[in-house]
C-alpha atoms as a PDB file:
ATOM      1  CA  MET A   1    -106.701  74.148 -47.155  1.00  0.00           C
ATOM      2  CA  MET A   2    -106.530  77.343 -45.185  1.00  0.00           C
ATOM      3  CA  LEU A   3    -103.316  79.053 -44.197  1.00  0.00           C
ATOM      4  CA  ASN A   4    -103.904  80.993 -41.002  1.00  0.00           C
ATOM      5  CA  THR A   5    -100.495  81.940 -39.696  1.00  0.00           C
ATOM      6  CA  HIS A   6     -97.533  83.841 -41.003  1.00  0.00           C
ATOM      7  CA  ASP A   7     -95.354  80.722 -40.695  1.00  0.00           C
ATOM      8  CA  GLN A   8     -97.807  78.593 -42.707  1.00  0.00           C
ATOM      9  CA  ILE A   9     -97.814  81.147 -45.519  1.00  0.00           C
ATOM     10  CA  HIS A  10     -94.008  81.268 -45.641  1.00  0.00           C
ATOM     11  CA  GLN A  11     -93.762  77.473 -45.538  1.00  0.00           C
ATOM     12  CA  PHE A  12     -96.215  77.191 -48.437  1.00  0.00           C
ATOM     13  CA  ARG A  13     -94.222  79.785 -50.407  1.00  0.00           C
ATOM     14  CA  ARG A  14     -90.955  77.904 -49.814  1.00  0.00           C
ATOM     15  CA  LEU A  15     -92.561  74.649 -50.984  1.00  0.00           C
ATOM     16  CA  THR A  16     -93.913  76.404 -54.088  1.00  0.00           C
ATOM     17  CA  LEU A  17     -90.480  77.831 -54.874  1.00  0.00           C
ATOM     18  CA  LEU A  18     -88.932  74.378 -54.361  1.00  0.00           C
ATOM     19  CA  LYS A  19     -91.354  72.727 -56.787  1.00  0.00           C
ATOM     20  CA  GLY A  20     -90.778  75.508 -59.312  1.00  0.00           C
ATOM     21  CA  LEU A  21     -87.014  75.092 -59.060  1.00  0.00           C
ATOM     22  CA  GLN A  22     -87.367  71.332 -59.513  1.00  0.00           C
ATOM     23  CA  LEU A  23     -89.265  71.939 -62.750  1.00  0.00           C
ATOM     24  CA  GLU A  24     -86.705  74.489 -63.932  1.00  0.00           C
ATOM     25  CA  ALA A  25     -83.884  72.032 -63.198  1.00  0.00           C
ATOM     26  CA  GLU A  26     -85.666  69.458 -65.370  1.00  0.00           C
ATOM     27  CA  GLY A  27     -85.663  71.908 -68.274  1.00  0.00           C
ATOM     28  CA  TYR A  28     -88.945  73.781 -68.051  1.00  0.00           C
ATOM     29  CA  GLN A  29     -88.554  77.412 -69.057  1.00  0.00           C
ATOM     30  CA  VAL A  30     -89.997  80.428 -67.289  1.00  0.00           C
ATOM     31  CA  LYS A  31     -92.044  82.714 -69.516  1.00  0.00           C
ATOM     32  CA  ARG A  32     -92.191  85.568 -67.034  1.00  0.00           C
ATOM     33  CA  PRO A  33     -89.172  86.530 -64.989  1.00  0.00           C
ATOM     34  CA  PRO A  34     -88.015  86.194 -62.300  1.00  0.00           C
ATOM     35  CA  SER A  35     -87.539  82.457 -62.196  1.00  0.00           C
ATOM     36  CA  CYS A  36     -87.721  80.463 -58.973  1.00  0.00           C
ATOM     37  CA  TYR A  37     -83.976  79.928 -59.332  1.00  0.00           C
ATOM     38  CA  THR A  38     -83.365  83.681 -59.328  1.00  0.00           C
ATOM     39  CA  VAL A  39     -85.707  84.331 -56.389  1.00  0.00           C
ATOM     40  CA  ILE A  40     -84.182  81.554 -54.275  1.00  0.00           C
ATOM     41  CA  LYS A  41     -80.605  82.637 -54.973  1.00  0.00           C
ATOM     42  CA  LYS A  42     -81.409  86.224 -54.062  1.00  0.00           C
ATOM     43  CA  GLU A  43     -83.531  85.626 -50.946  1.00  0.00           C
ATOM     44  CA  PHE A  44     -81.534  82.760 -49.449  1.00  0.00           C
ATOM     45  CA  LYS A  45     -78.103  83.951 -50.662  1.00  0.00           C
ATOM     46  CA  LEU A  46     -77.255  80.640 -52.324  1.00  0.00           C
ATOM     47  CA  LYS A  47     -74.611  80.200 -54.996  1.00  0.00           C
ATOM     48  CA  GLY A  48     -74.107  77.699 -57.759  1.00  0.00           C
ATOM     49  CA  ASN A  49     -75.909  76.241 -60.730  1.00  0.00           C
ATOM     50  CA  LYS A  50     -79.503  75.032 -60.632  1.00  0.00           C
ATOM     51  CA  ALA A  51     -78.603  71.553 -59.424  1.00  0.00           C
ATOM     52  CA  LYS A  52     -76.463  72.843 -56.545  1.00  0.00           C
ATOM     53  CA  VAL A  53     -79.023  75.449 -55.535  1.00  0.00           C
ATOM     54  CA  LEU A  54     -81.745  72.790 -55.685  1.00  0.00           C
ATOM     55  CA  ASP A  55     -79.771  70.548 -53.298  1.00  0.00           C
ATOM     56  CA  GLN A  56     -79.061  73.405 -50.895  1.00  0.00           C
ATOM     57  CA  PHE A  57     -82.631  74.720 -50.923  1.00  0.00           C
ATOM     58  CA  THR A  58     -84.095  71.229 -50.474  1.00  0.00           C
ATOM     59  CA  LYS A  59     -82.006  70.855 -47.311  1.00  0.00           C
ATOM     60  CA  ILE A  60     -83.177  74.267 -46.073  1.00  0.00           C
ATOM     61  CA  VAL A  61     -86.846  73.444 -46.651  1.00  0.00           C
ATOM     62  CA  ASN A  62     -86.535  70.005 -45.040  1.00  0.00           C
ATOM     63  CA  ASN A  63     -84.751  71.421 -41.987  1.00  0.00           C
ATOM     64  CA  LEU A  64     -87.395  74.119 -41.550  1.00  0.00           C
ATOM     65  CA  LYS A  65     -90.172  71.557 -42.025  1.00  0.00           C
ATOM     66  CA  GLU A  66     -88.668  69.266 -39.369  1.00  0.00           C
ATOM     67  CA  SER A  67     -88.141  72.084 -36.896  1.00  0.00           C
ATOM     68  CA  SER A  68     -91.752  73.290 -37.244  1.00  0.00           C
ATOM     69  CA  THR A  69     -93.262  69.886 -36.337  1.00  0.00           C
END
């Protein structure tokens, strides 16, 4: 896979952060800070615990994915 555009790179990063947050919500621990949870809360200005942030960020990623197609 080759990411050629700025939008593709950002979409891939959002998907990576989403998968990382899903793992953290399941109980996996981050050995090197910052965690995906921390990055997402800071960059997207979301509030709440991991489950709430996961729900909010999933909606954001899905909406951006739908709007790009």
